[in-house]
């Protein structure tokens, strides 16, 4: 039925695409207009999200939400169909045409119904945890407290024990201070409110700093904040305004890093923009 409704998934009927797959418009034999979401054939990516979305959509009914008509999961195919708005576009019923994947979605949107650049910062923070922990954002095979990666990672980050859940292949290979800075950066990105999340320029600086800590094996006491140590890395001609938006300790780090020239690191070791201002 779905193949017939979409003319065997005719590419001309594609109305959107994302990390999970493509969305097609279609018409059933009885004239019902539907939207069909199809996962990338043969791919296991997004399987937990598929199960979660089916579970959520099958349990709710609301005038501002499209209704789940049915779903299919067989062989390498995973797809489901929903109704479409009978009168006009969905944007006329809600405030924005939001598209996204469960787990990466900015929770503040559900309160404000608005997406901002800080919504992208939240999604990026989730991705940082995903890369560090080497696990899906949503994993339904785990317990409820571990199901959502962002919440699970924050739990351990705030306890100062993020190393307990990182990719086992990285255990013992990451500089402790570098991991601490990386965790702090990701934590700031997934702050509850957008106003508390950093700008991407500051995120970049913090990730570069985390890289420096790992490459140079800076030695500090465990209780010291990762932004409060004197660095001995030479960073030439950093722009005067670059420290805007950082905390005091991190701004001081930049000042010290600019004035001290005791390192012989080259661009082949760290990002070129950290050694010369041409990269900026």
Protein backbone atom coordinates (compact mmCIF):
# COMPACT_ATOMS: atom_id res chain seq x y z
CA UNK A 1 0.00 0.00 0.00
CA UNK A 2 2.79 2.42 0.92
CA UNK A 3 4.73 1.62 -2.24
CA UNK A 4 1.64 2.30 -4.32
CA UNK A 5 0.87 5.49 -2.39
CA UNK A 6 4.35 6.87 -3.05
CA UNK A 7 4.72 5.47 -6.58
CA UNK A 8 7.40 3.09 -5.33
CA UNK A 9 9.14 5.89 -3.40
CA UNK A 10 9.39 8.24 -6.35
CA UNK A 11 12.15 10.79 -5.69
CA UNK A 12 9.94 13.54 -7.09
CA UNK A 13 7.64 13.00 -4.10
CA UNK A 14 10.37 13.64 -1.50
CA UNK A 15 9.37 16.56 0.74
CA UNK A 16 12.21 16.40 3.24
CA UNK A 17 15.19 14.45 4.52
CA UNK A 18 17.27 14.15 7.67
CA UNK A 19 19.67 11.96 9.60
CA UNK A 20 17.15 9.12 9.69
CA UNK A 21 16.05 9.07 6.06
CA UNK A 22 13.59 10.71 3.68
CA UNK A 23 9.96 11.83 3.90
CA UNK A 24 7.63 11.24 0.95
CA UNK A 25 4.15 12.53 0.26
CA UNK A 26 1.62 9.98 -0.91
CA UNK A 27 -2.04 9.18 -1.49
CA UNK A 28 -3.71 5.95 -0.36
CA UNK A 29 -6.21 4.09 -2.51
CA UNK A 30 -9.11 5.70 -0.63
CA UNK A 31 -7.76 9.18 -1.37
CA UNK A 32 -6.22 9.80 2.06
CA UNK A 33 -3.15 12.01 1.82
CA UNK A 34 -0.22 10.77 3.89
CA UNK A 35 3.41 11.51 4.68
CA UNK A 36 5.74 8.51 4.71
CA UNK A 37 9.03 8.53 6.57
CA UNK A 38 11.49 5.96 5.26
CA UNK A 39 14.76 4.98 6.91
CA UNK A 40 17.83 4.55 4.77
CA UNK A 41 17.54 0.94 3.50
CA UNK A 42 19.97 -1.44 5.17
CA UNK A 43 21.12 1.10 7.72
CA UNK A 44 20.90 0.47 11.46
CA UNK A 45 21.39 4.14 12.22
CA UNK A 46 18.41 5.63 13.99
CA UNK A 47 16.78 2.32 15.02
CA UNK A 48 16.28 3.42 18.65
CA UNK A 49 14.84 6.72 17.41
CA UNK A 50 12.48 4.77 15.11
CA UNK A 51 11.15 2.72 18.02
CA UNK A 52 10.86 5.78 20.24
CA UNK A 53 8.97 7.84 17.67
CA UNK A 54 6.52 5.00 16.99
CA UNK A 55 5.97 4.57 20.72
CA UNK A 56 5.35 8.28 21.24
CA UNK A 57 3.15 8.89 18.19
CA UNK A 58 1.01 5.82 18.82
CA UNK A 59 0.18 6.99 22.32
CA UNK A 60 -0.88 10.60 21.71
CA UNK A 61 -3.69 12.39 19.92
CA UNK A 62 -3.81 16.16 19.58
CA UNK A 63 -5.27 18.63 17.11
CA UNK A 64 -1.82 20.16 16.58
CA UNK A 65 -0.14 16.82 15.86
CA UNK A 66 -0.41 14.58 12.83
CA UNK A 67 -1.82 11.13 13.58
CA UNK A 68 0.15 7.91 13.12
CA UNK A 69 -1.59 5.77 10.50
CA UNK A 70 0.74 2.78 10.55
CA UNK A 71 4.32 1.57 10.40
CA UNK A 72 6.34 -1.22 8.85
CA UNK A 73 9.48 -2.97 10.05
CA UNK A 74 10.53 -5.93 7.95
CA UNK A 75 13.75 -7.12 6.37
CA UNK A 76 15.84 -3.97 5.85
CA UNK A 77 12.89 -1.58 5.67
CA UNK A 78 11.73 0.71 8.48
CA UNK A 79 9.01 3.21 7.64
CA UNK A 80 5.83 4.72 8.97
CA UNK A 81 3.04 6.91 7.69
CA UNK A 82 1.16 9.80 9.23
CA UNK A 83 -1.78 11.88 8.17
CA UNK A 84 -1.32 15.31 6.64
CA UNK A 85 -3.19 18.51 7.44
CA UNK A 86 -6.57 18.67 5.75
CA UNK A 87 -6.48 22.44 5.47
CA UNK A 88 -3.26 23.99 4.31
CA UNK A 89 0.28 23.44 5.50
CA UNK A 90 1.31 22.32 8.96
CA UNK A 91 3.01 25.70 9.42
CA UNK A 92 -0.46 27.25 9.58
CA UNK A 93 -1.29 25.11 12.61
CA UNK A 94 1.96 25.47 14.55
CA UNK A 95 4.57 28.19 14.69
CA UNK A 96 7.41 26.58 12.75
CA UNK A 97 8.23 23.71 10.43
CA UNK A 98 10.64 22.05 12.86
CA UNK A 99 12.49 18.93 11.78
CA UNK A 100 14.84 16.96 13.94
CA UNK A 101 15.83 13.70 15.57
CA UNK A 102 14.92 12.67 19.10
CA UNK A 103 17.81 13.15 21.50
CA UNK A 104 19.36 16.10 19.67
CA UNK A 105 16.33 18.35 20.00
CA UNK A 106 16.61 21.51 22.11
CA UNK A 107 14.31 20.99 25.14
CA UNK A 108 13.79 24.75 25.41
CA UNK A 109 11.83 24.63 22.15
CA UNK A 110 8.97 22.83 23.86
CA UNK A 111 8.61 25.81 26.19
CA UNK A 112 9.14 28.68 23.76
CA UNK A 113 8.14 27.13 20.41
CA UNK A 114 11.15 28.93 18.92
CA UNK A 115 14.43 27.64 17.56
CA UNK A 116 17.58 29.76 17.75
CA UNK A 117 21.29 29.40 17.09
CA UNK A 118 21.56 28.19 20.69
CA UNK A 119 19.32 25.27 19.70
CA UNK A 120 22.11 24.21 17.34
CA UNK A 121 24.58 24.61 20.20
CA UNK A 122 22.51 22.16 22.26
CA UNK A 123 22.51 19.60 19.44
CA UNK A 124 26.27 20.05 19.03
CA UNK A 125 26.79 19.44 22.74
CA UNK A 126 24.85 16.18 22.51
CA UNK A 127 27.05 15.19 19.57
CA UNK A 128 30.18 15.88 21.65
CA UNK A 129 28.97 13.43 24.28
CA UNK A 130 28.04 10.97 21.54
CA UNK A 131 31.55 11.04 20.09
CA UNK A 132 33.18 10.74 23.51
CA UNK A 133 31.01 7.86 24.72
CA UNK A 134 30.63 6.02 21.39
CA UNK A 135 26.96 5.18 21.93
CA UNK A 136 23.64 6.23 20.37
CA UNK A 137 21.89 9.34 21.62
CA UNK A 138 18.84 7.21 22.44
CA UNK A 139 19.44 3.56 23.36
CA UNK A 140 16.26 1.71 24.32
CA UNK A 141 18.24 -1.40 25.26
CA UNK A 142 19.49 0.42 28.36
CA UNK A 143 17.70 1.31 31.58
CA UNK A 144 15.54 4.44 31.76
CA UNK A 145 18.26 6.45 33.51
CA UNK A 146 20.74 5.60 30.75
CA UNK A 147 18.34 5.80 27.79
CA UNK A 148 19.01 9.48 26.99
CA UNK A 149 22.73 10.08 26.46
CA UNK A 150 22.63 13.81 27.25
CA UNK A 151 20.99 13.25 30.62
CA UNK A 152 23.20 10.26 31.45
CA UNK A 153 26.43 12.05 30.51
CA UNK A 154 25.45 15.16 32.49
CA UNK A 155 24.85 12.99 35.55
CA UNK A 156 28.45 11.78 35.50
CA UNK A 157 29.95 15.07 34.32
CA UNK A 158 28.45 16.94 37.28
CA UNK A 159 29.88 14.32 39.62
CA UNK A 160 33.31 14.78 38.05
CA UNK A 161 33.36 11.15 36.91
CA UNK A 162 32.76 11.40 33.17
CA UNK A 163 35.59 8.95 32.57
CA UNK A 164 33.32 6.16 33.86
CA UNK A 165 31.15 6.25 30.73
CA UNK A 166 33.55 7.21 27.93
CA UNK A 167 34.43 4.86 25.10
CA UNK A 168 36.44 2.01 26.64
CA UNK A 169 38.96 2.33 23.82
CA UNK A 170 39.82 5.80 25.13
CA UNK A 171 40.25 4.88 28.78
CA UNK A 172 43.76 5.72 29.93
CA UNK A 173 44.62 7.42 26.65
CA UNK A 174 43.10 10.86 27.27
CA UNK A 175 44.86 13.48 29.33
CA UNK A 176 42.76 13.98 32.47
CA UNK A 177 42.69 17.76 32.18
CA UNK A 178 41.82 17.58 28.50
CA UNK A 179 38.87 15.29 29.27
CA UNK A 180 37.76 17.66 32.02
CA UNK A 181 37.79 20.64 29.66
CA UNK A 182 35.99 18.66 26.94
CA UNK A 183 33.31 17.61 29.44
CA UNK A 184 32.88 21.16 30.72
CA UNK A 185 32.44 22.42 27.16
CA UNK A 186 29.81 19.81 26.32
CA UNK A 187 28.02 20.49 29.61
CA UNK A 188 27.76 24.20 28.82
CA UNK A 189 26.39 23.40 25.36
CA UNK A 190 23.48 21.37 26.75
CA UNK A 191 22.53 23.88 29.44
CA UNK A 192 18.78 23.95 30.07
CA UNK A 193 18.37 27.53 28.88
CA UNK A 194 19.79 28.88 25.63
CA UNK A 195 21.04 32.06 27.29
CA UNK A 196 23.44 29.93 29.37
CA UNK A 197 24.93 28.18 26.34
CA UNK A 198 28.15 29.49 24.76
CA UNK A 199 28.57 30.85 21.25
CA UNK A 200 30.21 28.59 18.69
CA UNK A 201 33.32 30.79 18.65
CA UNK A 202 33.83 30.11 22.36
CA UNK A 203 33.10 26.42 21.88
CA UNK A 204 35.83 26.28 19.24
CA UNK A 205 38.33 27.99 21.54
CA UNK A 206 37.54 25.59 24.39
CA UNK A 207 37.87 22.52 22.18
CA UNK A 208 41.18 23.81 20.85
CA UNK A 209 42.32 24.35 24.41
CA UNK A 210 41.27 20.80 25.31
CA UNK A 211 43.39 19.59 22.41
CA UNK A 212 46.38 21.57 23.69
CA UNK A 213 46.00 20.03 27.13
CA UNK A 214 46.04 16.57 25.61
CA UNK A 215 48.94 17.18 23.24
CA UNK A 216 51.23 18.90 25.73
CA UNK A 217 50.36 16.79 28.77
CA UNK A 218 50.02 19.82 31.07
CA UNK A 219 50.39 18.80 34.72
CA UNK A 220 47.93 20.10 37.29
CA UNK A 221 46.38 19.08 40.56
CA UNK A 222 43.07 17.17 40.17
CA UNK A 223 41.12 19.83 42.12
CA UNK A 224 42.18 22.65 39.80
CA UNK A 225 39.66 23.91 37.27
CA UNK A 226 40.75 23.15 33.72
CA UNK A 227 40.62 26.82 32.83
CA UNK A 228 42.74 28.04 35.77
CA UNK A 229 46.24 26.79 35.02
CA UNK A 230 49.16 28.69 33.54
CA UNK A 231 49.79 27.33 30.08
CA UNK A 232 53.27 27.25 28.62
CA UNK A 233 52.05 27.11 25.04
CA UNK A 234 52.96 30.03 22.81
CA UNK A 235 49.98 31.48 20.99
CA UNK A 236 51.02 34.44 18.86
CA UNK A 237 48.94 37.50 18.08
CA UNK A 238 45.58 36.30 19.44
CA UNK A 239 42.93 38.90 18.79
CA UNK A 240 42.11 41.30 21.57
CA UNK A 241 38.41 40.54 21.52
CA UNK A 242 38.67 36.76 21.41
CA UNK A 243 38.13 36.30 25.14
CA UNK A 244 34.64 37.81 25.07
CA UNK A 245 32.10 35.45 26.53
CA UNK A 246 34.64 33.34 28.45
CA UNK A 247 34.93 33.12 32.19
CA UNK A 248 37.68 35.04 33.99
CA UNK A 249 40.00 32.07 34.35
CA UNK A 250 39.82 31.19 30.67
CA UNK A 251 40.39 34.82 29.65
CA UNK A 252 43.46 34.91 31.91
CA UNK A 253 44.64 31.71 30.25
CA UNK A 254 44.60 33.45 26.89
CA UNK A 255 46.57 36.39 28.25
CA UNK A 256 49.20 34.14 29.79
CA UNK A 257 49.35 31.96 26.71
CA UNK A 258 50.02 35.03 24.57
CA UNK A 259 52.80 36.38 26.79
CA UNK A 260 54.70 33.18 27.43
CA UNK A 261 56.81 31.81 24.63
CA UNK A 262 58.40 28.69 26.07
CA UNK A 263 56.88 26.09 23.78
CA UNK A 264 58.24 24.96 20.45
CA UNK A 265 54.99 23.40 19.25
CA UNK A 266 54.37 23.72 15.52
CA UNK A 267 51.27 23.80 13.34
CA UNK A 268 51.78 20.12 12.60
CA UNK A 269 50.89 19.36 16.21
CA UNK A 270 47.98 21.70 16.92
CA UNK A 271 45.59 23.78 14.87
CA UNK A 272 47.40 26.45 12.88
CA UNK A 273 45.19 29.18 14.23
CA UNK A 274 46.55 28.53 17.71
CA UNK A 275 50.12 29.22 16.64
CA UNK A 276 49.65 32.06 14.17
CA UNK A 277 46.92 34.58 13.66
CA UNK A 278 46.68 33.72 9.94
CA UNK A 279 44.39 30.78 10.80
CA UNK A 280 41.94 33.10 12.48
